[in-house]
C-alpha atoms as a PDB file:
ATOM      1  CA  MET A   1      29.397  -0.288  -7.055  1.00  0.00           C
ATOM      2  CA  ASN A   2      28.411   0.442  -2.948  1.00  0.00           C
ATOM      3  CA  PHE A   3      24.959   1.936  -2.268  1.00  0.00           C
ATOM      4  CA  LYS A   4      23.778   3.269   0.763  1.00  0.00           C
ATOM      5  CA  PHE A   5      19.951   2.169   2.165  1.00  0.00           C
ATOM      6  CA  THR A   6      17.872   2.372   4.888  1.00  0.00           C
ATOM      7  CA  LYS A   7      15.727  -0.295   5.878  1.00  0.00           C
ATOM      8  CA  MET A   8      12.229   1.239   7.104  1.00  0.00           C
ATOM      9  CA  HIS A   9       8.513  -0.185   7.566  1.00  0.00           C
ATOM     10  CA  GLY A  10       5.160   1.077   8.200  1.00  0.00           C
ATOM     11  CA  CYS A  11       3.290  -1.993   9.941  1.00  0.00           C
ATOM     12  CA  GLY A  12       5.789  -4.296   9.051  1.00  0.00           C
ATOM     13  CA  ASN A  13       5.419  -3.278   5.400  1.00  0.00           C
ATOM     14  CA  ASP A  14       9.430  -3.064   4.769  1.00  0.00           C
ATOM     15  CA  TYR A  15      11.375  -1.607   2.116  1.00  0.00           C
ATOM     16  CA  ILE A  16      14.828  -0.862   1.253  1.00  0.00           C
ATOM     17  CA  TYR A  17      15.443   2.904   0.848  1.00  0.00           C
ATOM     18  CA  PHE A  18      17.643   4.675  -1.430  1.00  0.00           C
ATOM     19  CA  ASP A  19      18.312   8.469  -1.191  1.00  0.00           C
ATOM     20  CA  CYS A  20      18.633   9.302  -4.763  1.00  0.00           C
ATOM     21  CA  PHE A  21      19.015  12.915  -4.270  1.00  0.00           C
ATOM     22  CA  LYS A  22      22.700  11.829  -3.425  1.00  0.00           C
ATOM     23  CA  GLU A  23      23.102   9.239  -6.142  1.00  0.00           C
ATOM     24  CA  ARG A  24      21.419   7.144  -8.826  1.00  0.00           C
ATOM     25  CA  LEU A  25      19.932   3.849  -9.043  1.00  0.00           C
ATOM     26  CA  GLU A  26      20.284   2.123 -12.239  1.00  0.00           C
ATOM     27  CA  ASN A  27      18.423  -0.925 -13.424  1.00  0.00           C
ATOM     28  CA  PRO A  28      15.864  -0.589 -10.016  1.00  0.00           C
ATOM     29  CA  ASP A  29      13.495  -3.627 -11.100  1.00  0.00           C
ATOM     30  CA  GLN A  30      16.390  -6.013 -10.988  1.00  0.00           C
ATOM     31  CA  VAL A  31      17.729  -4.378  -7.726  1.00  0.00           C
ATOM     32  CA  ALA A  32      14.083  -5.049  -6.191  1.00  0.00           C
ATOM     33  CA  LYS A  33      14.359  -8.589  -7.207  1.00  0.00           C
ATOM     34  CA  LYS A  34      17.961  -9.267  -5.762  1.00  0.00           C
ATOM     35  CA  LEU A  35      17.753  -7.327  -2.781  1.00  0.00           C
ATOM     36  CA  SER A  36      14.482  -8.361  -1.400  1.00  0.00           C
ATOM     37  CA  ASN A  37      15.332 -11.952  -1.039  1.00  0.00           C
ATOM     38  CA  ARG A  38      15.285 -12.317   2.924  1.00  0.00           C
ATOM     39  CA  HIS A  39      17.718 -15.585   2.990  1.00  0.00           C
ATOM     40  CA  PHE A  40      20.410 -14.125   0.474  1.00  0.00           C
ATOM     41  CA  SER A  41      20.159 -10.327   0.580  1.00  0.00           C
ATOM     42  CA  VAL A  42      18.845  -7.619   2.650  1.00  0.00           C
ATOM     43  CA  GLY A  43      15.010  -8.744   2.440  1.00  0.00           C
ATOM     44  CA  GLY A  44      12.061  -6.832   1.960  1.00  0.00           C
ATOM     45  CA  ASP A  45       8.879  -6.191   0.200  1.00  0.00           C
ATOM     46  CA  GLY A  46      10.864  -4.202  -2.322  1.00  0.00           C
ATOM     47  CA  ILE A  47      12.734  -1.268  -2.799  1.00  0.00           C
ATOM     48  CA  VAL A  48      11.995   2.911  -2.751  1.00  0.00           C
ATOM     49  CA  MET A  49      13.616   5.354  -4.380  1.00  0.00           C
ATOM     50  CA  ILE A  50      13.629   8.517  -2.601  1.00  0.00           C
ATOM     51  CA  CYS A  51      14.170  11.176  -5.747  1.00  0.00           C
ATOM     52  CA  PRO A  52      14.495  15.038  -6.634  1.00  0.00           C
ATOM     53  CA  SER A  53      10.740  16.133  -7.943  1.00  0.00           C
ATOM     54  CA  THR A  54       9.659  19.067 -10.018  1.00  0.00           C
ATOM     55  CA  VAL A  55       6.156  19.369  -8.569  1.00  0.00           C
ATOM     56  CA  ALA A  56       6.217  18.288  -5.228  1.00  0.00           C
ATOM     57  CA  ASP A  57       9.043  18.095  -2.209  1.00  0.00           C
ATOM     58  CA  ALA A  58      10.067  14.820  -3.390  1.00  0.00           C
ATOM     59  CA  LYS A  59       9.515  11.587  -5.848  1.00  0.00           C
ATOM     60  CA  MET A  60       8.923   8.234  -4.603  1.00  0.00           C
ATOM     61  CA  ARG A  61       9.283   5.204  -6.763  1.00  0.00           C
ATOM     62  CA  MET A  62       8.671   1.957  -5.558  1.00  0.00           C
ATOM     63  CA  PHE A  63       9.499  -1.442  -7.152  1.00  0.00           C
ATOM     64  CA  ASN A  64       8.176  -4.855  -5.617  1.00  0.00           C
ATOM     65  CA  SER A  65       9.786  -7.834  -4.599  1.00  0.00           C
ATOM     66  CA  ASP A  66       9.193  -9.467  -8.162  1.00  0.00           C
ATOM     67  CA  GLY A  67      10.516  -6.846  -9.894  1.00  0.00           C
ATOM     68  CA  SER A  68       7.341  -4.805 -10.805  1.00  0.00           C
ATOM     69  CA  GLU A  69       6.810  -1.017 -10.395  1.00  0.00           C
ATOM     70  CA  GLY A  70       4.115  -0.020  -8.052  1.00  0.00           C
ATOM     71  CA  LYS A  71       2.344   2.920  -8.685  1.00  0.00           C
ATOM     72  CA  MET A  72       1.434   3.979  -4.881  1.00  0.00           C
ATOM     73  CA  CYS A  73       2.311   2.479  -1.520  1.00  0.00           C
ATOM     74  CA  GLY A  74       0.304   3.994   1.676  1.00  0.00           C
ATOM     75  CA  ASN A  75       2.890   2.171   3.929  1.00  0.00           C
ATOM     76  CA  ALA A  76       6.239   3.324   1.879  1.00  0.00           C
ATOM     77  CA  ILE A  77       5.315   6.869   1.764  1.00  0.00           C
ATOM     78  CA  ARG A  78       4.863   7.424   5.286  1.00  0.00           C
ATOM     79  CA  CYS A  79       8.561   6.406   5.716  1.00  0.00           C
ATOM     80  CA  VAL A  80       9.427   8.569   2.762  1.00  0.00           C
ATOM     81  CA  GLY A  81       7.888  11.210   4.914  1.00  0.00           C
ATOM     82  CA  LYS A  82      10.052  10.140   7.891  1.00  0.00           C
ATOM     83  CA  TYR A  83      13.349  10.057   5.765  1.00  0.00           C
ATOM     84  CA  LEU A  84      12.829  13.594   4.359  1.00  0.00           C
ATOM     85  CA  SER A  85      12.019  15.071   7.750  1.00  0.00           C
ATOM     86  CA  ASP A  86      14.752  13.363  10.093  1.00  0.00           C
ATOM     87  CA  ASN A  87      17.354  13.730   7.400  1.00  0.00           C
ATOM     88  CA  LYS A  88      16.568  17.492   7.214  1.00  0.00           C
ATOM     89  CA  ILE A  89      15.703  17.607   3.556  1.00  0.00           C
ATOM     90  CA  ILE A  90      12.367  18.889   3.817  1.00  0.00           C
ATOM     91  CA  ASP A  91      12.265  20.704   7.143  1.00  0.00           C
ATOM     92  CA  ARG A  92       8.284  21.340   7.214  1.00  0.00           C
ATOM     93  CA  ASP A  93       5.487  19.518   9.157  1.00  0.00           C
ATOM     94  CA  THR A  94       3.007  19.215   6.050  1.00  0.00           C
ATOM     95  CA  ILE A  95       5.107  18.071   2.894  1.00  0.00           C
ATOM     96  CA  THR A  96       4.031  16.746  -0.837  1.00  0.00           C
ATOM     97  CA  ILE A  97       4.970  13.723  -2.512  1.00  0.00           C
ATOM     98  CA  GLU A  98       4.989  12.640  -6.103  1.00  0.00           C
ATOM     99  CA  THR A  99       3.995   9.289  -7.188  1.00  0.00           C
ATOM    100  CA  MET A 100       2.693   7.525 -10.237  1.00  0.00           C
ATOM    101  CA  SER A 101      -0.743   8.131  -8.493  1.00  0.00           C
ATOM    102  CA  GLY A 102      -0.482  11.520  -8.370  1.00  0.00           C
ATOM    103  CA  ILE A 103       0.541  13.996  -5.531  1.00  0.00           C
ATOM    104  CA  LYS A 104       0.334  13.033  -1.694  1.00  0.00           C
ATOM    105  CA  ILE A 105      -0.217  15.472   0.973  1.00  0.00           C
ATOM    106  CA  LEU A 106       1.487  14.157   4.427  1.00  0.00           C
ATOM    107  CA  GLU A 107       1.374  15.755   7.743  1.00  0.00           C
ATOM    108  CA  LEU A 108       3.953  14.482   9.962  1.00  0.00           C
ATOM    109  CA  LYS A 109       3.654  14.027  13.586  1.00  0.00           C
ATOM    110  CA  LYS A 110       6.982  14.147  15.553  1.00  0.00           C
ATOM    111  CA  VAL A 111       8.171  13.058  19.030  1.00  0.00           C
ATOM    112  CA  SER A 112      11.632  14.659  20.587  1.00  0.00           C
ATOM    113  CA  GLY A 113      12.138  16.171  16.743  1.00  0.00           C
ATOM    114  CA  ARG A 114      11.759  12.847  14.917  1.00  0.00           C
ATOM    115  CA  VAL A 115       8.690  11.557  12.702  1.00  0.00           C
ATOM    116  CA  VAL A 116       6.778   8.695  14.226  1.00  0.00           C
ATOM    117  CA  SER A 117       3.852   8.493  12.340  1.00  0.00           C
ATOM    118  CA  ALA A 118       1.948  10.724   9.618  1.00  0.00           C
ATOM    119  CA  ARG A 119      -1.068  11.507   8.069  1.00  0.00           C
ATOM    120  CA  VAL A 120      -1.730  10.941   4.564  1.00  0.00           C
ATOM    121  CA  ASP A 121      -4.258  12.749   1.939  1.00  0.00           C
ATOM    122  CA  MET A 122      -4.875   9.593  -0.259  1.00  0.00           C
ATOM    123  CA  GLY A 123      -7.172  11.002  -2.453  1.00  0.00           C
ATOM    124  CA  LYS A 124     -10.856   9.935  -3.799  1.00  0.00           C
ATOM    125  CA  PRO A 125     -11.217   6.020  -4.428  1.00  0.00           C
ATOM    126  CA  GLU A 126     -11.819   4.989  -8.245  1.00  0.00           C
ATOM    127  CA  PHE A 127     -15.076   2.651  -8.931  1.00  0.00           C
ATOM    128  CA  ARG A 128     -15.232   2.504 -12.687  1.00  0.00           C
ATOM    129  CA  PRO A 129     -14.087  -0.598 -13.625  1.00  0.00           C
ATOM    130  CA  ASP A 130     -12.150   0.226 -16.682  1.00  0.00           C
ATOM    131  CA  LYS A 131     -10.229   2.528 -14.470  1.00  0.00           C
ATOM    132  CA  ILE A 132      -9.043   0.160 -11.822  1.00  0.00           C
ATOM    133  CA  PRO A 133      -9.119  -1.802 -14.013  1.00  0.00           C
ATOM    134  CA  VAL A 134     -11.232  -4.858 -13.939  1.00  0.00           C
ATOM    135  CA  ASN A 135     -12.444  -6.696 -17.286  1.00  0.00           C
ATOM    136  CA  VAL A 136     -16.433  -7.356 -17.182  1.00  0.00           C
ATOM    137  CA  ALA A 137     -18.898  -7.454 -19.830  1.00  0.00           C
ATOM    138  CA  GLU A 138     -21.787  -5.350 -17.803  1.00  0.00           C
ATOM    139  CA  ASN A 139     -21.928  -1.950 -18.050  1.00  0.00           C
ATOM    140  CA  LEU A 140     -21.398  -1.011 -14.431  1.00  0.00           C
ATOM    141  CA  ASN A 141     -20.376   1.965 -12.655  1.00  0.00           C
ATOM    142  CA  LYS A 142     -19.208   0.357  -9.728  1.00  0.00           C
ATOM    143  CA  LEU A 143     -18.231  -3.222  -8.423  1.00  0.00           C
ATOM    144  CA  VAL A 144     -20.024  -3.881  -5.184  1.00  0.00           C
ATOM    145  CA  SER A 145     -20.307  -7.237  -3.514  1.00  0.00           C
ATOM    146  CA  TYR A 146     -20.125  -8.505  -7.242  1.00  0.00           C
ATOM    147  CA  PRO A 147     -19.859 -12.512  -7.646  1.00  0.00           C
ATOM    148  CA  ILE A 148     -17.196 -14.019  -9.243  1.00  0.00           C
ATOM    149  CA  LYS A 149     -16.289 -18.106  -9.075  1.00  0.00           C
ATOM    150  CA  ILE A 150     -12.759 -19.327  -8.066  1.00  0.00           C
ATOM    151  CA  ASP A 151     -11.977 -22.993  -8.274  1.00  0.00           C
ATOM    152  CA  ASN A 152     -16.193 -23.321  -8.256  1.00  0.00           C
ATOM    153  CA  VAL A 153     -16.123 -21.293  -4.895  1.00  0.00           C
ATOM    154  CA  GLU A 154     -18.478 -17.951  -5.017  1.00  0.00           C
ATOM    155  CA  TYR A 155     -16.985 -14.964  -3.669  1.00  0.00           C
ATOM    156  CA  ASN A 156     -18.614 -11.461  -3.553  1.00  0.00           C
ATOM    157  CA  ILE A 157     -15.674  -9.288  -4.400  1.00  0.00           C
ATOM    158  CA  THR A 158     -16.035  -5.194  -4.121  1.00  0.00           C
ATOM    159  CA  CYS A 159     -13.340  -3.374  -6.443  1.00  0.00           C
ATOM    160  CA  VAL A 160     -11.701  -0.229  -6.049  1.00  0.00           C
ATOM    161  CA  SER A 161      -8.404   1.842  -6.913  1.00  0.00           C
ATOM    162  CA  MET A 162      -6.596   3.688  -4.472  1.00  0.00           C
ATOM    163  CA  GLY A 163      -3.623   4.656  -6.754  1.00  0.00           C
ATOM    164  CA  ASN A 164      -3.329   0.611  -7.063  1.00  0.00           C
ATOM    165  CA  PRO A 165      -6.111  -1.922  -8.078  1.00  0.00           C
ATOM    166  CA  HIS A 166      -7.477  -3.852  -5.075  1.00  0.00           C
ATOM    167  CA  CYS A 167     -10.276  -6.486  -4.747  1.00  0.00           C
ATOM    168  CA  VAL A 168     -12.073  -6.426  -1.122  1.00  0.00           C
ATOM    169  CA  VAL A 169     -13.593  -9.822  -0.052  1.00  0.00           C
ATOM    170  CA  PHE A 170     -15.235  -9.819   3.444  1.00  0.00           C
ATOM    171  CA  CYS A 171     -15.032 -13.009   5.257  1.00  0.00           C
ATOM    172  CA  ASP A 172     -16.047 -14.515   8.801  1.00  0.00           C
ATOM    173  CA  SER A 173     -12.568 -15.033   9.764  1.00  0.00           C
ATOM    174  CA  VAL A 174      -9.430 -13.959   8.015  1.00  0.00           C
ATOM    175  CA  ASP A 175      -7.275 -16.650   9.943  1.00  0.00           C
ATOM    176  CA  GLU A 176      -8.895 -19.438   8.050  1.00  0.00           C
ATOM    177  CA  ILE A 177      -7.910 -18.006   4.586  1.00  0.00           C
ATOM    178  CA  ASP A 178      -5.303 -20.285   2.788  1.00  0.00           C
ATOM    179  CA  MET A 179      -3.405 -17.213   1.446  1.00  0.00           C
ATOM    180  CA  VAL A 180      -0.741 -19.152  -0.297  1.00  0.00           C
ATOM    181  CA  GLU A 181      -3.601 -21.234  -2.403  1.00  0.00           C
ATOM    182  CA  LEU A 182      -5.987 -18.594  -2.894  1.00  0.00           C
ATOM    183  CA  GLY A 183      -4.274 -15.127  -3.138  1.00  0.00           C
ATOM    184  CA  PRO A 184      -2.581 -16.308  -6.630  1.00  0.00           C
ATOM    185  CA  LYS A 185      -5.882 -17.144  -8.079  1.00  0.00           C
ATOM    186  CA  PHE A 186      -7.136 -13.573  -7.323  1.00  0.00           C
ATOM    187  CA  GLU A 187      -3.961 -11.915  -8.409  1.00  0.00           C
ATOM    188  CA  ASN A 188      -3.950 -13.425 -11.893  1.00  0.00           C
ATOM    189  CA  ASN A 189      -7.625 -13.940 -12.671  1.00  0.00           C
ATOM    190  CA  ARG A 190      -8.439 -13.103 -16.434  1.00  0.00           C
ATOM    191  CA  LEU A 191     -10.682 -10.425 -14.685  1.00  0.00           C
ATOM    192  CA  PHE A 192      -7.846  -8.426 -13.601  1.00  0.00           C
ATOM    193  CA  PRO A 193      -5.302  -7.388 -16.819  1.00  0.00           C
ATOM    194  CA  GLU A 194      -2.824  -5.906 -14.546  1.00  0.00           C
ATOM    195  CA  LYS A 195      -3.400  -8.249 -11.895  1.00  0.00           C
ATOM    196  CA  ILE A 196      -4.928  -7.182  -8.222  1.00  0.00           C
ATOM    197  CA  ASN A 197      -4.016  -6.609  -4.644  1.00  0.00           C
ATOM    198  CA  THR A 198      -6.553  -8.747  -2.471  1.00  0.00           C
ATOM    199  CA  GLU A 199      -8.057  -7.648   0.777  1.00  0.00           C
ATOM    200  CA  PHE A 200      -9.798 -10.374   2.991  1.00  0.00           C
ATOM    201  CA  VAL A 201     -11.578  -8.387   5.532  1.00  0.00           C
ATOM    202  CA  GLN A 202     -13.328  -9.484   8.905  1.00  0.00           C
ATOM    203  CA  ILE A 203     -15.960  -6.803  10.831  1.00  0.00           C
ATOM    204  CA  LEU A 204     -14.781  -6.937  14.432  1.00  0.00           C
ATOM    205  CA  SER A 205     -17.035  -4.243  15.824  1.00  0.00           C
ATOM    206  CA  PRO A 206     -18.859  -1.226  14.449  1.00  0.00           C
ATOM    207  CA  ASN A 207     -15.528   0.986  13.963  1.00  0.00           C
ATOM    208  CA  GLU A 208     -12.751  -1.849  13.889  1.00  0.00           C
ATOM    209  CA  ILE A 209     -12.008  -4.842  10.909  1.00  0.00           C
ATOM    210  CA  LYS A 210      -9.172  -7.340  10.566  1.00  0.00           C
ATOM    211  CA  MET A 211      -7.273  -7.580   7.413  1.00  0.00           C
ATOM    212  CA  ARG A 212      -4.767  -9.654   5.706  1.00  0.00           C
ATOM    213  CA  VAL A 213      -3.508  -8.629   2.107  1.00  0.00           C
ATOM    214  CA  TRP A 214      -2.104 -10.806  -0.865  1.00  0.00           C
ATOM    215  CA  GLU A 215       0.031  -8.042  -2.768  1.00  0.00           C
ATOM    216  CA  ARG A 216       0.389  -8.744  -6.458  1.00  0.00           C
ATOM    217  CA  GLY A 217       4.284  -8.753  -7.174  1.00  0.00           C
ATOM    218  CA  SER A 218       4.922  -9.656  -3.722  1.00  0.00           C
ATOM    219  CA  GLY A 219       2.619 -11.992  -2.069  1.00  0.00           C
ATOM    220  CA  GLU A 220       1.398 -11.867   1.595  1.00  0.00           C
ATOM    221  CA  THR A 221       2.777  -8.697   3.620  1.00  0.00           C
ATOM    222  CA  MET A 222       2.351  -7.693   7.062  1.00  0.00           C
ATOM    223  CA  ALA A 223       0.213  -4.814   5.764  1.00  0.00           C
ATOM    224  CA  CYS A 224      -0.651  -2.228   3.116  1.00  0.00           C
ATOM    225  CA  GLY A 225      -1.768   1.187   3.220  1.00  0.00           C
ATOM    226  CA  THR A 226      -3.679   1.697  -0.104  1.00  0.00           C
ATOM    227  CA  GLY A 227      -5.390  -1.880   0.782  1.00  0.00           C
ATOM    228  CA  ALA A 228      -6.290  -0.469   4.334  1.00  0.00           C
ATOM    229  CA  CYS A 229      -8.218   2.459   2.501  1.00  0.00           C
ATOM    230  CA  ALA A 230      -9.759   0.221  -0.159  1.00  0.00           C
ATOM    231  CA  ALA A 231     -10.997  -2.174   2.626  1.00  0.00           C
ATOM    232  CA  VAL A 232     -12.725   0.730   4.620  1.00  0.00           C
ATOM    233  CA  VAL A 233     -13.841   2.197   1.311  1.00  0.00           C
ATOM    234  CA  ALA A 234     -15.454  -1.285   0.336  1.00  0.00           C
ATOM    235  CA  ALA A 235     -16.837  -1.481   4.030  1.00  0.00           C
ATOM    236  CA  VAL A 236     -18.793   1.778   3.758  1.00  0.00           C
ATOM    237  CA  GLU A 237     -19.997   0.748   0.489  1.00  0.00           C
ATOM    238  CA  ASN A 238     -21.360  -2.187   1.580  1.00  0.00           C
ATOM    239  CA  GLY A 239     -23.034  -0.841   4.195  1.00  0.00           C
ATOM    240  CA  PHE A 240     -20.959  -1.933   7.150  1.00  0.00           C
ATOM    241  CA  PHE A 241     -19.399   1.651   7.969  1.00  0.00           C
ATOM    242  CA  LYS A 242     -20.855   5.436   7.705  1.00  0.00           C
ATOM    243  CA  LEU A 243     -18.911   8.190   5.856  1.00  0.00           C
ATOM    244  CA  ASN A 244     -16.728  10.287   7.861  1.00  0.00           C
ATOM    245  CA  GLU A 245     -16.213   7.449  10.132  1.00  0.00           C
ATOM    246  CA  CYS A 246     -12.344   6.715  11.089  1.00  0.00           C
ATOM    247  CA  VAL A 247     -12.150   2.861  11.258  1.00  0.00           C
ATOM    248  CA  LEU A 248      -9.408   1.118  12.954  1.00  0.00           C
ATOM    249  CA  VAL A 249      -7.689  -1.590  10.776  1.00  0.00           C
ATOM    250  CA  ARG A 250      -5.899  -4.520  12.414  1.00  0.00           C
ATOM    251  CA  LEU A 251      -3.253  -5.899  10.194  1.00  0.00           C
ATOM    252  CA  LEU A 252      -0.846  -8.699  10.636  1.00  0.00           C
ATOM    253  CA  GLY A 253       2.183  -6.094  11.390  1.00  0.00           C
ATOM    254  CA  GLY A 254       0.116  -3.259  13.260  1.00  0.00           C
ATOM    255  CA  GLN A 255      -2.796  -1.254  12.938  1.00  0.00           C
ATOM    256  CA  LEU A 256      -3.950   2.134  10.492  1.00  0.00           C
ATOM    257  CA  LYS A 257      -6.750   4.522  11.004  1.00  0.00           C
ATOM    258  CA  ILE A 258      -8.714   5.405   7.858  1.00  0.00           C
ATOM    259  CA  CYS A 259     -11.273   7.667   7.531  1.00  0.00           C
ATOM    260  CA  TYR A 260     -13.363   7.893   3.923  1.00  0.00           C
ATOM    261  CA  THR A 261     -14.854  11.204   3.532  1.00  0.00           C
ATOM    262  CA  LYS A 262     -16.837  12.762   1.006  1.00  0.00           C
ATOM    263  CA  ASN A 263     -13.683  14.458  -0.419  1.00  0.00           C
ATOM    264  CA  ALA A 264     -10.906  12.086   0.346  1.00  0.00           C
ATOM    265  CA  VAL A 265      -9.658   8.754   1.982  1.00  0.00           C
ATOM    266  CA  TYR A 266      -7.054   9.779   4.881  1.00  0.00           C
ATOM    267  CA  MET A 267      -4.725   6.889   6.334  1.00  0.00           C
ATOM    268  CA  GLU A 268      -2.968   7.508   9.810  1.00  0.00           C
ATOM    269  CA  GLY A 269      -0.171   5.188  10.581  1.00  0.00           C
ATOM    270  CA  ASP A 270       3.477   4.317  11.917  1.00  0.00           C
ATOM    271  CA  ALA A 271       6.696   4.862  10.172  1.00  0.00           C
ATOM    272  CA  HIS A 272      10.079   3.284  11.500  1.00  0.00           C
ATOM    273  CA  VAL A 273      13.768   2.937  10.750  1.00  0.00           C
ATOM    274  CA  ALA A 274      14.662  -0.558  11.397  1.00  0.00           C
ATOM    275  CA  PHE A 275      18.240  -0.213  10.011  1.00  0.00           C
ATOM    276  CA  LYS A 276      21.213   1.426   7.914  1.00  0.00           C
ATOM    277  CA  GLY A 277      23.755  -0.569   5.882  1.00  0.00           C
ATOM    278  CA  GLU A 278      25.665  -0.506   2.667  1.00  0.00           C
ATOM    279  CA  VAL A 279      25.077  -3.142   0.013  1.00  0.00           C
ATOM    280  CA  VAL A 280      27.280  -3.573  -3.470  1.00  0.00           C
ATOM    281  CA  ILE A 281      25.004  -3.701  -6.534  1.00  0.00           C
END
């Protein structure tokens, strides 16, 4: 059966988007594994289904390249907002999107009637280890600069959920990290029962960081919106930045502006259409 798709990306974090207002996509986990292959199919970090919702303007479901379903994706949700607006499905500059991590509010920014970026209210960070989740024996409310060992090397991790579980590691140079070697060892560590997204973060200036990310189910990606939020939250918790200060996060695929406030974390970044096509599934 033929399905139309739109390939979109935010900061190079690319997904294959399906308009499920118009058609029904069966077995999305298998579709994600098949279509994400960059050599034998469309290629991407996974697929995103843009669906009707009874509680918001639309619903987003996203599946990683290994077929696992993710609860939330900050870069993908901006692209969902762009698709809904550019295709006149929703004709407002402020819209709501239902996700497995709750309803998110987007403020769309347009040029010549087309969405070029969006600001997303990502909600409050979750620090409680059992809610992230992280398996720790101690009765701790937060894991900030918490020491663990990977291959007999000690790392200080800060764990937070922004809808997805994240483990943030501060280092002197992210360029020197062997992501292929180290990423899976964090992702599959026994501390993380649902696996983990790991951000390696370098402080560049009083309001700027550089970040690389290993995403569970996808490997190293060009960007991660929830990961960028987690990185800034962790930086504030570790005393590098202050609350309410906007921080520029430099990623392999671009940059995001993150502001961690008392009430919520806000993320702002781009959204682009790469190409449209049709695929047999």
